[in-house]
Amino acid sequence: MAPTDETGQVTPHTSPSGTTPPGRPPAGLAAGPNARMPRWLPRAMVLALALVAVFQLGSWAFHQLTNLLINVLIAFFLALAIEPAVSWMATRGMRRGLATAVVFLGVMVVAAGFVTLLGSMLAGQIIKIVEDFPEYLDSVINWINTHFNTELRRVDVQEGVLRSDWLRNYVQNSATGVLDVSAQVLGGLFQLLTIALFSFYFAADGPRLRRALCSILPPAKQAEVLRAWEIAVNKTGGYIYSRGLMALISGVAHYILLQTLDVPYAPVLAVWVGLVSQFIPTIGTYLAGALPMLIAFTVDPWYALWVLIFVVVYQQFENYVLQPKLTSKTVDIHPAVAFGSVIAGTALLGAVGALIAIPAIATLQAFLGAYVKRYDVTDDPRVHGHRRRGEGDGPFVRLRALWARRPGSEYPADRSS
């Protein structure tokens, strides 16, 4: 019989050395080689591994399809841009697919004609520059010999250039890079074909696409989706049309200048400046002005300087006078917001992001503005850009007060008394 203490509880058995042996662990916390794994642990491990695998697969697929997604995004915005013209033809009895084909055919004809004229102009000017290059080189050598007391000769310069290592390396790199250039050209043509195909389907099947999208949404959400679609069409179309109008004005202005300077191919150069300066953000103006400056330089070097001055002055006029008046009626976003959206779009998607950033931000701003509640602004002078009279008077107010206190002044210094 086990010994008990005064309270009747069994006293623990002590070992001969006087220590108490460890007690038996509870049954629920027993651990050993025969302990069973919790039932939820295998399923949790399988689920975690499945989630990791799905994430890795989705990330890989997204990176592989990035180019396709960008092409679809460009095609969607192009379809939104031509949507008003297609809808206008469709409301007058023309089938929507035929109307879309007519719009695309018109754009392709204009683009092909412009590229053909530009290519012929560039080819002619390159030939002219090559033929006149010895004369330009002689004039430069004579200027250097006159001002620096040197004895350079054109034959020595030509031999030095032909025997230089950088020319040999350039020719070798150009020969090895022909295949790369050809592959890039074919890839660009395939990309243009993909964008045109998706744009055609988005524009021709616009109503069917909207019905398919609304069929999976409740009626309350359908009206919001259709409203957002309409805002996107209006803003994108307005942006494209305002840019087209500014391109027309820019082309006419530069045509007058080039025609006055008697620069060859003035109409084609004017169209080049108008299109490139408006549809390539940020650097489009300077990229567009480089070609007219080069052509004007072949006529007279001073003409290139006049073209540069005109391009800079016209750019300022367009930024501060023309563009705010036109875009305020179509896009209606602040110039700082437009500039920031272009930078953000360039950082995200490159040149494509820079091109579609402004209509995307204008669409988002108009859609969110419809749900933001606005209130009447208080009639406070600080709202209009100045403070109340007497709160931190500026130097002009203090100067007027000192003038009023001068001897012989007929106005009192303090009219409040």
Protein backbone atom coordinates (compact mmCIF):
# COMPACT_ATOMS: atom_id res chain seq x y z
CA MET A 1 0.00 0.00 0.00
CA ALA A 2 1.31 3.40 -0.99
CA PRO A 3 2.16 5.81 1.81
CA THR A 4 -0.10 8.82 2.32
CA ASP A 5 0.43 12.17 3.95
CA GLU A 6 -1.75 13.87 6.53
CA THR A 7 -4.26 15.07 3.89
CA GLY A 8 -4.82 11.57 2.60
CA GLN A 9 -3.01 12.10 -0.75
CA VAL A 10 -0.54 9.59 -1.99
CA THR A 11 3.01 10.76 -1.53
CA PRO A 12 5.35 10.31 -4.50
CA HIS A 13 7.79 7.48 -4.32
CA THR A 14 11.31 8.60 -3.63
CA SER A 15 14.37 6.93 -4.92
CA PRO A 16 17.09 5.74 -2.56
CA SER A 17 19.17 8.79 -3.40
CA GLY A 18 16.39 11.07 -2.20
CA THR A 19 15.27 12.39 -5.60
CA THR A 20 11.73 12.24 -6.92
CA PRO A 21 11.28 10.39 -10.26
CA PRO A 22 9.67 12.35 -13.11
CA GLY A 23 5.91 12.08 -13.35
CA ARG A 24 4.09 10.46 -16.29
CA PRO A 25 3.13 12.99 -19.04
CA PRO A 26 -0.55 13.50 -19.78
CA ALA A 27 -2.10 11.13 -22.27
CA GLY A 28 -2.98 13.96 -24.71
CA LEU A 29 0.64 15.18 -24.94
CA ALA A 30 2.25 11.82 -25.36
CA ALA A 31 4.98 11.82 -28.02
CA GLY A 32 6.84 8.89 -29.28
CA PRO A 33 7.55 6.71 -32.26
CA ASN A 34 3.91 5.57 -32.38
CA ALA A 35 2.44 9.17 -32.25
CA ARG A 36 0.13 10.01 -35.22
CA MET A 37 0.42 13.12 -37.47
CA PRO A 38 -2.54 15.52 -37.29
CA ARG A 39 -5.00 14.91 -40.12
CA TRP A 40 -4.97 18.55 -41.31
CA LEU A 41 -1.18 18.78 -41.73
CA PRO A 42 -0.83 16.75 -45.00
CA ARG A 43 -3.69 18.61 -46.63
CA ALA A 44 -2.22 21.97 -45.56
CA MET A 45 1.16 21.02 -47.01
CA VAL A 46 -0.38 19.88 -50.29
CA LEU A 47 -2.44 23.08 -50.48
CA ALA A 48 0.62 25.27 -49.83
CA LEU A 49 2.64 23.45 -52.49
CA ALA A 50 -0.27 23.76 -54.94
CA LEU A 51 -0.54 27.52 -54.31
CA VAL A 52 3.19 27.98 -54.85
CA ALA A 53 3.03 25.95 -58.07
CA VAL A 54 0.04 27.96 -59.34
CA PHE A 55 1.80 31.24 -58.53
CA GLN A 56 4.97 30.16 -60.33
CA LEU A 57 2.98 28.97 -63.33
CA GLY A 58 0.97 32.20 -63.46
CA SER A 59 4.12 34.32 -63.18
CA TRP A 60 5.79 32.36 -65.98
CA ALA A 61 2.72 32.60 -68.21
CA PHE A 62 2.39 36.35 -67.56
CA HIS A 63 6.01 37.01 -68.55
CA GLN A 64 5.60 34.88 -71.67
CA LEU A 65 2.40 36.69 -72.69
CA THR A 66 3.53 40.23 -71.84
CA ASN A 67 4.00 41.21 -75.48
CA LEU A 68 0.61 39.80 -76.44
CA LEU A 69 -1.11 41.63 -73.57
CA ILE A 70 0.55 44.91 -74.58
CA ASN A 71 -0.59 44.40 -78.18
CA VAL A 72 -4.15 43.73 -77.01
CA LEU A 73 -4.06 46.87 -74.86
CA ILE A 74 -2.89 48.98 -77.81
CA ALA A 75 -5.54 47.42 -80.02
CA PHE A 76 -8.24 48.18 -77.46
CA PHE A 77 -7.33 51.86 -77.32
CA LEU A 78 -7.14 52.06 -81.12
CA ALA A 79 -10.60 50.50 -81.29
CA LEU A 80 -11.87 53.09 -78.82
CA ALA A 81 -10.32 55.84 -80.97
CA ILE A 82 -12.11 54.77 -84.16
CA GLU A 83 -15.34 53.84 -82.38
CA PRO A 84 -17.05 57.23 -83.05
CA ALA A 85 -16.35 57.03 -86.79
CA VAL A 86 -17.51 53.41 -87.01
CA SER A 87 -20.66 54.13 -84.99
CA TRP A 88 -21.42 57.17 -87.19
CA MET A 89 -21.31 55.00 -90.33
CA ALA A 90 -23.28 52.20 -88.66
CA THR A 91 -26.12 54.55 -87.65
CA ARG A 92 -26.49 55.51 -91.33
CA GLY A 93 -27.17 51.99 -92.51
CA MET A 94 -23.68 50.59 -93.16
CA ARG A 95 -22.82 47.27 -91.63
CA ARG A 96 -20.46 47.62 -88.70
CA GLY A 97 -17.84 45.28 -90.12
CA LEU A 98 -17.82 47.13 -93.44
CA ALA A 99 -17.60 50.49 -91.65
CA THR A 100 -14.61 49.26 -89.66
CA ALA A 101 -12.96 48.00 -92.85
CA VAL A 102 -13.49 51.38 -94.54
CA VAL A 103 -11.88 53.23 -91.61
CA PHE A 104 -8.93 50.83 -91.54
CA LEU A 105 -8.49 51.07 -95.32
CA GLY A 106 -8.41 54.86 -95.14
CA VAL A 107 -5.80 54.82 -92.36
CA MET A 108 -3.66 52.28 -94.23
CA VAL A 109 -3.79 54.27 -97.49
CA VAL A 110 -2.77 57.49 -95.74
CA ALA A 111 0.02 55.76 -93.81
CA ALA A 112 1.36 53.97 -96.91
CA GLY A 113 1.35 57.17 -98.94
CA PHE A 114 3.13 59.07 -96.22
CA VAL A 115 5.80 56.39 -95.77
CA THR A 116 6.36 56.19 -99.53
CA LEU A 117 6.79 59.93 -99.89
CA LEU A 118 9.02 60.11 -96.85
CA GLY A 119 11.17 57.23 -98.08
CA SER A 120 11.64 58.76 -101.52
CA MET A 121 12.49 62.11 -99.95
CA LEU A 122 15.05 60.58 -97.60
CA ALA A 123 16.62 58.57 -100.41
CA GLY A 124 16.97 61.67 -102.60
CA GLN A 125 18.41 63.75 -99.80
CA ILE A 126 20.88 61.05 -98.79
CA ILE A 127 22.11 60.84 -102.37
CA LYS A 128 22.44 64.62 -102.50
CA ILE A 129 24.35 64.70 -99.21
CA VAL A 130 26.73 62.00 -100.43
CA GLU A 131 27.35 63.86 -103.69
CA ASP A 132 27.94 67.19 -101.97
CA PHE A 133 29.97 65.74 -99.10
CA PRO A 134 33.38 66.54 -100.69
CA GLU A 135 32.41 70.20 -100.98
CA TYR A 136 31.30 70.32 -97.32
CA LEU A 137 34.49 68.58 -96.29
CA ASP A 138 36.63 71.05 -98.29
CA SER A 139 34.88 74.01 -96.67
CA VAL A 140 35.42 72.56 -93.19
CA ILE A 141 39.11 71.83 -93.91
CA ASN A 142 39.66 75.34 -95.26
CA TRP A 143 38.03 76.84 -92.17
CA ILE A 144 40.25 74.75 -89.88
CA ASN A 145 43.41 75.63 -91.85
CA THR A 146 42.54 79.33 -91.77
CA HIS A 147 41.78 79.58 -88.06
CA PHE A 148 44.29 77.09 -86.61
CA ASN A 149 47.18 77.48 -89.11
CA THR A 150 47.15 73.81 -90.10
CA GLU A 151 47.84 72.13 -93.44
CA LEU A 152 45.15 69.50 -93.65
CA ARG A 153 44.21 67.99 -97.00
CA ARG A 154 41.05 66.16 -97.98
CA VAL A 155 43.00 63.18 -99.32
CA ASP A 156 44.77 62.71 -95.99
CA VAL A 157 41.50 62.93 -94.07
CA GLN A 158 39.80 60.42 -96.36
CA GLU A 159 42.70 57.96 -96.12
CA GLY A 160 42.77 58.32 -92.35
CA VAL A 161 39.06 57.60 -92.11
CA LEU A 162 39.20 54.62 -94.48
CA ARG A 163 42.13 53.07 -92.61
CA SER A 164 40.75 53.69 -89.13
CA ASP A 165 39.92 50.80 -86.82
CA TRP A 166 36.50 52.13 -85.87
CA LEU A 167 35.34 52.07 -89.51
CA ARG A 168 36.51 48.47 -89.89
CA ASN A 169 34.73 47.47 -86.69
CA TYR A 170 31.60 49.32 -87.75
CA VAL A 171 31.50 47.49 -91.10
CA GLN A 172 32.00 44.13 -89.40
CA ASN A 173 29.30 44.79 -86.82
CA SER A 174 26.93 46.00 -89.52
CA ALA A 175 27.52 42.86 -91.57
CA THR A 176 26.88 40.58 -88.59
CA GLY A 177 23.83 42.58 -87.52
CA VAL A 178 21.95 42.29 -90.82
CA LEU A 179 20.13 39.17 -89.65
CA ASP A 180 19.20 40.81 -86.36
CA VAL A 181 17.78 43.83 -88.15
CA SER A 182 15.81 41.60 -90.51
CA ALA A 183 14.39 39.65 -87.58
CA GLN A 184 13.40 42.87 -85.83
CA VAL A 185 11.68 44.15 -88.98
CA LEU A 186 9.72 40.92 -89.38
CA GLY A 187 8.81 40.96 -85.69
CA GLY A 188 7.60 44.55 -86.00
CA LEU A 189 5.45 43.69 -89.02
CA PHE A 190 3.93 40.73 -87.17
CA GLN A 191 3.24 42.95 -84.17
CA LEU A 192 1.50 45.54 -86.37
CA LEU A 193 -0.59 42.79 -87.96
CA THR A 194 -1.58 41.47 -84.53
CA ILE A 195 -2.59 44.94 -83.32
CA ALA A 196 -4.57 45.64 -86.50
CA LEU A 197 -6.41 42.31 -86.26
CA PHE A 198 -7.39 42.79 -82.61
CA SER A 199 -8.38 46.42 -83.26
CA PHE A 200 -10.61 45.34 -86.14
CA TYR A 201 -12.40 42.75 -84.01
CA PHE A 202 -12.77 45.11 -81.03
CA ALA A 203 -14.27 47.83 -83.24
CA ALA A 204 -16.42 45.60 -85.45
CA ASP A 205 -17.77 43.46 -82.61
CA GLY A 206 -17.99 46.24 -80.04
CA PRO A 207 -21.71 45.79 -79.27
CA ARG A 208 -21.32 42.01 -79.05
CA LEU A 209 -18.35 42.42 -76.71
CA ARG A 210 -20.33 44.77 -74.47
CA ARG A 211 -23.28 42.35 -74.39
CA ALA A 212 -20.99 39.46 -73.48
CA LEU A 213 -19.44 41.51 -70.68
CA CYS A 214 -22.78 42.68 -69.33
CA SER A 215 -24.25 39.17 -69.42
CA ILE A 216 -22.03 38.07 -66.52
CA LEU A 217 -22.85 41.10 -64.36
CA PRO A 218 -25.96 42.01 -62.36
CA PRO A 219 -28.18 44.78 -63.81
CA ALA A 220 -26.90 47.38 -61.33
CA LYS A 221 -23.30 46.83 -62.49
CA GLN A 222 -24.17 46.70 -66.19
CA ALA A 223 -25.06 50.40 -66.28
CA GLU A 224 -21.74 51.30 -64.64
CA VAL A 225 -19.75 49.23 -67.12
CA LEU A 226 -21.54 50.78 -70.10
CA ARG A 227 -21.01 54.23 -68.65
CA ALA A 228 -17.28 53.59 -68.17
CA TRP A 229 -17.07 52.27 -71.74
CA GLU A 230 -18.77 55.40 -73.10
CA ILE A 231 -16.43 57.68 -71.12
CA ALA A 232 -13.42 55.76 -72.43
CA VAL A 233 -14.66 56.12 -76.02
CA ASN A 234 -15.26 59.85 -75.63
CA LYS A 235 -11.94 60.57 -73.94
CA THR A 236 -9.81 58.41 -76.22
CA GLY A 237 -11.51 59.66 -79.37
CA GLY A 238 -11.28 63.25 -78.14
CA TYR A 239 -7.58 62.83 -77.39
CA ILE A 240 -6.85 61.39 -80.84
CA TYR A 241 -8.89 64.03 -82.64
CA SER A 242 -7.38 66.91 -80.66
CA ARG A 243 -3.91 65.57 -81.42
CA GLY A 244 -4.85 65.32 -85.08
CA LEU A 245 -6.03 68.93 -85.10
CA MET A 246 -2.81 70.10 -83.44
CA ALA A 247 -0.82 68.05 -85.95
CA LEU A 248 -2.66 69.83 -88.77
CA ILE A 249 -1.93 73.27 -87.30
CA SER A 250 1.70 72.36 -86.67
CA GLY A 251 2.10 70.99 -90.19
CA VAL A 252 0.63 74.13 -91.78
CA ALA A 253 2.87 76.41 -89.69
CA HIS A 254 6.05 74.49 -90.50
CA TYR A 255 5.05 74.23 -94.17
CA ILE A 256 4.84 78.02 -94.39
CA LEU A 257 8.31 78.33 -92.84
CA LEU A 258 9.91 75.68 -95.06
CA GLN A 259 8.26 77.04 -98.17
CA THR A 260 9.45 80.54 -97.30
CA LEU A 261 13.03 79.25 -96.92
CA ASP A 262 12.65 77.34 -100.20
CA VAL A 263 13.51 74.02 -98.53
CA PRO A 264 12.77 71.02 -100.81
CA TYR A 265 10.02 68.55 -99.94
CA ALA A 266 8.30 71.10 -97.74
CA PRO A 267 4.85 69.35 -97.76
CA VAL A 268 6.26 65.98 -96.71
CA LEU A 269 8.44 67.55 -94.04
CA ALA A 270 5.48 69.50 -92.69
CA VAL A 271 3.40 66.31 -92.40
CA TRP A 272 6.34 64.58 -90.70
CA VAL A 273 6.70 67.35 -88.13
CA GLY A 274 2.97 67.46 -87.43
CA LEU A 275 2.53 63.73 -86.88
CA VAL A 276 5.73 62.93 -85.01
CA SER A 277 5.54 65.96 -82.71
CA GLN A 278 1.98 65.14 -81.63
CA PHE A 279 1.88 61.37 -81.41
CA ILE A 280 5.33 60.75 -79.88
CA PRO A 281 5.23 62.29 -76.38
CA THR A 282 8.00 64.30 -74.72
CA ILE A 283 10.76 63.90 -77.34
CA GLY A 284 8.53 63.96 -80.42
CA THR A 285 9.01 67.67 -81.08
CA TYR A 286 12.80 67.48 -81.14
CA LEU A 287 12.80 64.23 -83.10
CA ALA A 288 10.45 65.78 -85.65
CA GLY A 289 12.49 68.95 -85.99
CA ALA A 290 15.77 67.11 -86.63
CA LEU A 291 14.83 66.02 -90.16
CA PRO A 292 13.80 69.48 -91.44
CA MET A 293 16.96 70.93 -89.92
CA LEU A 294 19.06 68.34 -91.78
CA ILE A 295 17.34 69.05 -95.09
CA ALA A 296 17.59 72.81 -94.55
CA PHE A 297 21.31 72.43 -93.79
CA THR A 298 21.84 70.98 -97.27
CA VAL A 299 20.42 74.22 -98.71
CA ASP A 300 22.06 76.71 -96.36
CA PRO A 301 23.52 76.14 -92.86
CA TRP A 302 21.82 79.31 -91.62
CA TYR A 303 18.43 77.87 -92.64
CA ALA A 304 18.95 75.04 -90.16
CA LEU A 305 19.37 77.62 -87.39
CA TRP A 306 16.15 79.38 -88.42
CA VAL A 307 14.29 76.08 -88.40
CA LEU A 308 15.62 75.30 -84.91
CA ILE A 309 14.50 78.69 -83.58
CA PHE A 310 11.06 78.30 -85.13
CA VAL A 311 10.64 74.78 -83.69
CA VAL A 312 11.49 75.98 -80.17
CA VAL A 313 9.24 79.06 -80.36
CA TYR A 314 6.33 77.11 -81.81
CA GLN A 315 6.68 74.44 -79.14
CA GLN A 316 6.27 77.07 -76.42
CA PHE A 317 3.24 78.53 -78.21
CA GLU A 318 1.70 75.08 -78.48
CA ASN A 319 2.36 74.14 -74.85
CA TYR A 320 1.02 77.33 -73.27
CA VAL A 321 -1.60 78.60 -75.74
CA LEU A 322 -2.82 76.03 -78.24
CA GLN A 323 -2.79 72.76 -76.34
CA PRO A 324 -4.66 73.97 -73.20
CA LYS A 325 -7.48 75.40 -75.32
CA LEU A 326 -7.94 72.23 -77.38
CA THR A 327 -7.42 69.55 -74.75
CA SER A 328 -9.61 71.33 -72.19
CA LYS A 329 -12.63 70.50 -74.36
CA THR A 330 -11.66 66.90 -75.09
CA VAL A 331 -9.35 65.41 -72.45
CA ASP A 332 -9.70 68.05 -69.69
CA ILE A 333 -6.80 67.11 -67.41
CA HIS A 334 -4.25 69.37 -65.78
CA PRO A 335 -0.92 69.73 -67.65
CA ALA A 336 0.99 68.54 -64.58
CA VAL A 337 -1.20 65.43 -64.37
CA ALA A 338 -0.69 64.80 -68.09
CA PHE A 339 3.08 65.13 -67.74
CA GLY A 340 3.16 62.83 -64.72
CA SER A 341 0.96 60.25 -66.46
CA VAL A 342 3.30 60.23 -69.46
CA ILE A 343 6.30 59.62 -67.18
CA ALA A 344 4.47 56.85 -65.32
CA GLY A 345 3.29 55.24 -68.55
CA THR A 346 6.82 55.33 -69.94
CA ALA A 347 8.20 53.69 -66.79
CA LEU A 348 5.58 50.92 -66.95
CA LEU A 349 5.18 50.16 -70.66
CA GLY A 350 7.76 52.26 -72.46
CA ALA A 351 6.69 54.19 -75.54
CA VAL A 352 3.33 52.42 -75.60
CA GLY A 353 2.58 53.55 -72.06
CA ALA A 354 3.54 57.11 -72.91
CA LEU A 355 1.13 57.09 -75.84
CA ILE A 356 -1.91 55.69 -74.02
CA ALA A 357 -1.25 57.25 -70.60
CA ILE A 358 -3.15 60.50 -71.19
CA PRO A 359 -6.42 58.97 -72.49
CA ALA A 360 -6.28 56.31 -69.76
CA ILE A 361 -5.85 58.91 -67.00
CA ALA A 362 -8.55 61.13 -68.56
CA THR A 363 -10.96 58.19 -68.62
CA LEU A 364 -10.20 57.28 -65.01
CA GLN A 365 -10.54 60.90 -63.89
CA ALA A 366 -13.89 61.35 -65.65
CA PHE A 367 -15.23 58.06 -64.30
CA LEU A 368 -14.20 58.81 -60.72
CA GLY A 369 -15.43 62.40 -60.99
CA ALA A 370 -18.95 61.13 -61.58
CA TYR A 371 -18.99 59.56 -58.10
CA VAL A 372 -17.24 62.27 -56.10
CA LYS A 373 -19.65 64.58 -54.33
CA ARG A 374 -18.76 68.25 -54.74
CA TYR A 375 -19.82 71.26 -52.66
CA ASP A 376 -20.01 74.99 -53.24
CA VAL A 377 -16.71 76.67 -52.46
CA THR A 378 -16.76 79.34 -49.78
CA ASP A 379 -16.24 82.93 -50.87
CA ASP A 380 -12.90 83.32 -49.12
CA PRO A 381 -10.15 85.53 -50.62
CA ARG A 382 -7.62 82.78 -49.98
CA VAL A 383 -9.48 80.55 -52.42
CA HIS A 384 -8.87 83.11 -55.15
CA GLY A 385 -5.15 83.32 -54.46
CA HIS A 386 -4.82 86.28 -52.06
CA ARG A 387 -5.23 86.90 -48.34
CA ARG A 388 -7.57 89.17 -46.45
CA ARG A 389 -6.64 92.81 -46.20
CA GLY A 390 -4.47 93.39 -43.14
CA GLU A 391 -3.20 89.79 -42.84
CA GLY A 392 0.50 90.01 -43.57
CA ASP A 393 0.47 93.05 -45.86
CA GLY A 394 3.07 92.85 -48.59
CA PRO A 395 5.76 95.43 -49.46
CA PHE A 396 3.48 97.32 -51.85
CA VAL A 397 0.87 97.81 -49.13
CA ARG A 398 3.52 99.07 -46.67
CA LEU A 399 5.00 101.37 -49.29
CA ARG A 400 1.57 102.86 -49.95
CA ALA A 401 1.09 103.40 -46.21
CA LEU A 402 4.44 105.21 -45.96
CA TRP A 403 3.49 107.38 -48.94
CA ALA A 404 0.22 108.30 -47.23
CA ARG A 405 2.10 109.42 -44.07
CA ARG A 406 4.39 111.85 -45.89
CA PRO A 407 4.10 115.54 -44.94
CA GLY A 408 1.44 117.40 -46.89
CA SER A 409 -0.46 114.29 -47.89
CA GLU A 410 -4.18 114.88 -48.16
CA TYR A 411 -5.03 111.27 -47.29
CA PRO A 412 -4.84 110.13 -43.68
CA ALA A 413 -2.47 107.36 -42.86
CA ASP A 414 -5.20 105.33 -41.19
CA ARG A 415 -8.68 105.58 -42.72
CA SER A 416 -10.22 103.35 -40.13
CA SER A 417 -10.16 106.05 -37.46
